[in-house]
Amino acid sequence: MAQTLLSIQVIPKTPNGEDSIPYVDRAIEVIQQSGVKYQVHPLETTLEGELPELLQIVQRVHEVLIEAGSPSIISQIKIAHYPSGISMEGLTEKYPS
């Protein structure tokens, strides 16, 4: 079982004030390609795994967005770390979707 949940909301600045959604889509692609378990929500994406791996993914998201032309990125990150284990389902199972 994973020890960490990390939720990230990326807020990329765009070069000419255009829509930021294509940049957010690219950030989600990086997360998808990482192979970790994740869930996309309207305002953030939650990843499940081990803290060092998840932080590397955050770093990669920032690198890719800069490479894509974003002059700067603000990320809001929440981390829940439980050495005994944690899962998205364990936290939300009592709330049917």
C-alpha atoms as a PDB file:
ATOM      1  CA  MET A   1       0.000   0.000   0.000  1.00  0.00           C
ATOM      2  CA  ALA A   2       1.197   3.488  -0.805  1.00  0.00           C
ATOM      3  CA  GLN A   3       2.312   5.808   1.947  1.00  0.00           C
ATOM      4  CA  THR A   4       1.449   9.138   0.326  1.00  0.00           C
ATOM      5  CA  LEU A   5      -1.355  10.983  -1.401  1.00  0.00           C
ATOM      6  CA  LEU A   6      -0.364  14.180  -3.177  1.00  0.00           C
ATOM      7  CA  SER A   7      -2.854  16.563  -4.754  1.00  0.00           C
ATOM      8  CA  ILE A   8      -1.609  19.169  -7.195  1.00  0.00           C
ATOM      9  CA  GLN A   9      -3.253  22.129  -8.843  1.00  0.00           C
ATOM     10  CA  VAL A  10      -1.039  23.732 -11.475  1.00  0.00           C
ATOM     11  CA  ILE A  11      -1.585  27.365 -12.384  1.00  0.00           C
ATOM     12  CA  PRO A  12       0.665  28.053 -15.373  1.00  0.00           C
ATOM     13  CA  LYS A  13       1.232  31.522 -16.676  1.00  0.00           C
ATOM     14  CA  THR A  14       0.814  31.594 -20.438  1.00  0.00           C
ATOM     15  CA  PRO A  15       3.193  33.468 -22.727  1.00  0.00           C
ATOM     16  CA  ASN A  16       0.592  35.769 -24.298  1.00  0.00           C
ATOM     17  CA  GLY A  17      -2.339  35.531 -21.897  1.00  0.00           C
ATOM     18  CA  GLU A  18      -3.960  32.665 -23.792  1.00  0.00           C
ATOM     19  CA  ASP A  19      -6.011  29.907 -22.169  1.00  0.00           C
ATOM     20  CA  SER A  20      -4.064  27.843 -19.623  1.00  0.00           C
ATOM     21  CA  ILE A  21      -6.087  24.635 -20.137  1.00  0.00           C
ATOM     22  CA  PRO A  22      -3.728  23.198 -22.806  1.00  0.00           C
ATOM     23  CA  TYR A  23      -0.895  23.563 -20.283  1.00  0.00           C
ATOM     24  CA  VAL A  24      -2.955  21.874 -17.572  1.00  0.00           C
ATOM     25  CA  ASP A  25      -3.715  19.079 -20.043  1.00  0.00           C
ATOM     26  CA  ARG A  26       0.024  18.662 -20.630  1.00  0.00           C
ATOM     27  CA  ALA A  27       0.617  18.463 -16.859  1.00  0.00           C
ATOM     28  CA  ILE A  28      -1.977  15.689 -16.624  1.00  0.00           C
ATOM     29  CA  GLU A  29      -0.253  13.858 -19.499  1.00  0.00           C
ATOM     30  CA  VAL A  30       2.985  13.874 -17.486  1.00  0.00           C
ATOM     31  CA  ILE A  31       1.115  12.366 -14.540  1.00  0.00           C
ATOM     32  CA  GLN A  32      -0.521   9.740 -16.784  1.00  0.00           C
ATOM     33  CA  GLN A  33       2.841   8.771 -18.262  1.00  0.00           C
ATOM     34  CA  SER A  34       4.384   8.375 -14.789  1.00  0.00           C
ATOM     35  CA  GLY A  35       2.510   5.141 -14.151  1.00  0.00           C
ATOM     36  CA  VAL A  36       1.335   6.097 -10.654  1.00  0.00           C
ATOM     37  CA  LYS A  37      -2.286   5.757  -9.622  1.00  0.00           C
ATOM     38  CA  TYR A  38      -4.096   9.082 -10.006  1.00  0.00           C
ATOM     39  CA  GLN A  39      -7.524  10.707 -10.206  1.00  0.00           C
ATOM     40  CA  VAL A  40      -8.296  13.909 -12.077  1.00  0.00           C
ATOM     41  CA  HIS A  41     -10.770  16.217 -10.334  1.00  0.00           C
ATOM     42  CA  PRO A  42     -12.143  19.551 -11.564  1.00  0.00           C
ATOM     43  CA  LEU A  43      -9.653  21.673  -9.612  1.00  0.00           C
ATOM     44  CA  GLU A  44      -6.756  19.318  -8.856  1.00  0.00           C
ATOM     45  CA  THR A  45      -5.297  15.902  -9.551  1.00  0.00           C
ATOM     46  CA  THR A  46      -4.524  13.415  -6.771  1.00  0.00           C
ATOM     47  CA  LEU A  47      -1.634  10.966  -7.056  1.00  0.00           C
ATOM     48  CA  GLU A  48      -1.002   7.890  -4.913  1.00  0.00           C
ATOM     49  CA  GLY A  49       2.481   6.521  -4.311  1.00  0.00           C
ATOM     50  CA  GLU A  50       5.691   7.086  -2.421  1.00  0.00           C
ATOM     51  CA  LEU A  51       6.698  10.634  -1.509  1.00  0.00           C
ATOM     52  CA  PRO A  52      10.050  10.798  -3.369  1.00  0.00           C
ATOM     53  CA  GLU A  53       8.465   9.476  -6.571  1.00  0.00           C
ATOM     54  CA  LEU A  54       5.528  11.879  -6.352  1.00  0.00           C
ATOM     55  CA  LEU A  55       7.813  14.860  -5.781  1.00  0.00           C
ATOM     56  CA  GLN A  56       9.821  13.851  -8.859  1.00  0.00           C
ATOM     57  CA  ILE A  57       6.585  13.891 -10.864  1.00  0.00           C
ATOM     58  CA  VAL A  58       5.835  17.422  -9.604  1.00  0.00           C
ATOM     59  CA  GLN A  59       9.315  18.483 -10.693  1.00  0.00           C
ATOM     60  CA  ARG A  60       8.787  16.891 -14.118  1.00  0.00           C
ATOM     61  CA  VAL A  61       5.419  18.668 -14.524  1.00  0.00           C
ATOM     62  CA  HIS A  62       7.144  22.010 -13.948  1.00  0.00           C
ATOM     63  CA  GLU A  63       9.982  21.178 -16.354  1.00  0.00           C
ATOM     64  CA  VAL A  64       7.576  20.130 -19.111  1.00  0.00           C
ATOM     65  CA  LEU A  65       5.418  23.243 -18.734  1.00  0.00           C
ATOM     66  CA  ILE A  66       8.475  25.499 -18.927  1.00  0.00           C
ATOM     67  CA  GLU A  67       9.623  23.571 -22.027  1.00  0.00           C
ATOM     68  CA  ALA A  68       6.117  24.102 -23.480  1.00  0.00           C
ATOM     69  CA  GLY A  69       6.524  27.863 -23.150  1.00  0.00           C
ATOM     70  CA  SER A  70       5.028  28.767 -19.799  1.00  0.00           C
ATOM     71  CA  PRO A  71       7.172  31.524 -18.281  1.00  0.00           C
ATOM     72  CA  SER A  72       6.212  30.508 -14.726  1.00  0.00           C
ATOM     73  CA  ILE A  73       4.047  28.050 -12.810  1.00  0.00           C
ATOM     74  CA  ILE A  74       2.424  28.193  -9.413  1.00  0.00           C
ATOM     75  CA  SER A  75       1.452  24.820  -7.947  1.00  0.00           C
ATOM     76  CA  GLN A  76      -0.704  24.298  -4.916  1.00  0.00           C
ATOM     77  CA  ILE A  77       0.182  20.979  -3.351  1.00  0.00           C
ATOM     78  CA  LYS A  78      -1.373  18.992  -0.512  1.00  0.00           C
ATOM     79  CA  ILE A  79       0.386  15.957   0.901  1.00  0.00           C
ATOM     80  CA  ALA A  80      -1.011  13.277   3.196  1.00  0.00           C
ATOM     81  CA  HIS A  81       1.757  10.943   4.352  1.00  0.00           C
ATOM     82  CA  TYR A  82       0.971   7.844   6.412  1.00  0.00           C
ATOM     83  CA  PRO A  83       3.882   5.425   6.953  1.00  0.00           C
ATOM     84  CA  SER A  84       1.317   2.702   7.729  1.00  0.00           C
ATOM     85  CA  GLY A  85      -0.347   3.206   4.324  1.00  0.00           C
ATOM     86  CA  ILE A  86      -3.036   5.334   2.721  1.00  0.00           C
ATOM     87  CA  SER A  87      -5.223   5.117  -0.380  1.00  0.00           C
ATOM     88  CA  MET A  88      -7.696   7.313  -2.206  1.00  0.00           C
ATOM     89  CA  GLU A  89     -10.378   4.659  -1.857  1.00  0.00           C
ATOM     90  CA  GLY A  90      -9.749   4.302   1.889  1.00  0.00           C
ATOM     91  CA  LEU A  91     -10.389   7.993   2.416  1.00  0.00           C
ATOM     92  CA  THR A  92     -13.479   8.223   0.205  1.00  0.00           C
ATOM     93  CA  GLU A  93     -15.186   4.809   0.433  1.00  0.00           C
ATOM     94  CA  LYS A  94     -17.973   6.094   2.689  1.00  0.00           C
ATOM     95  CA  TYR A  95     -18.917   8.738   0.091  1.00  0.00           C
ATOM     96  CA  PRO A  96     -20.594   7.195  -2.949  1.00  0.00           C
ATOM     97  CA  SER A  97     -19.896   9.002  -6.203  1.00  0.00           C
END
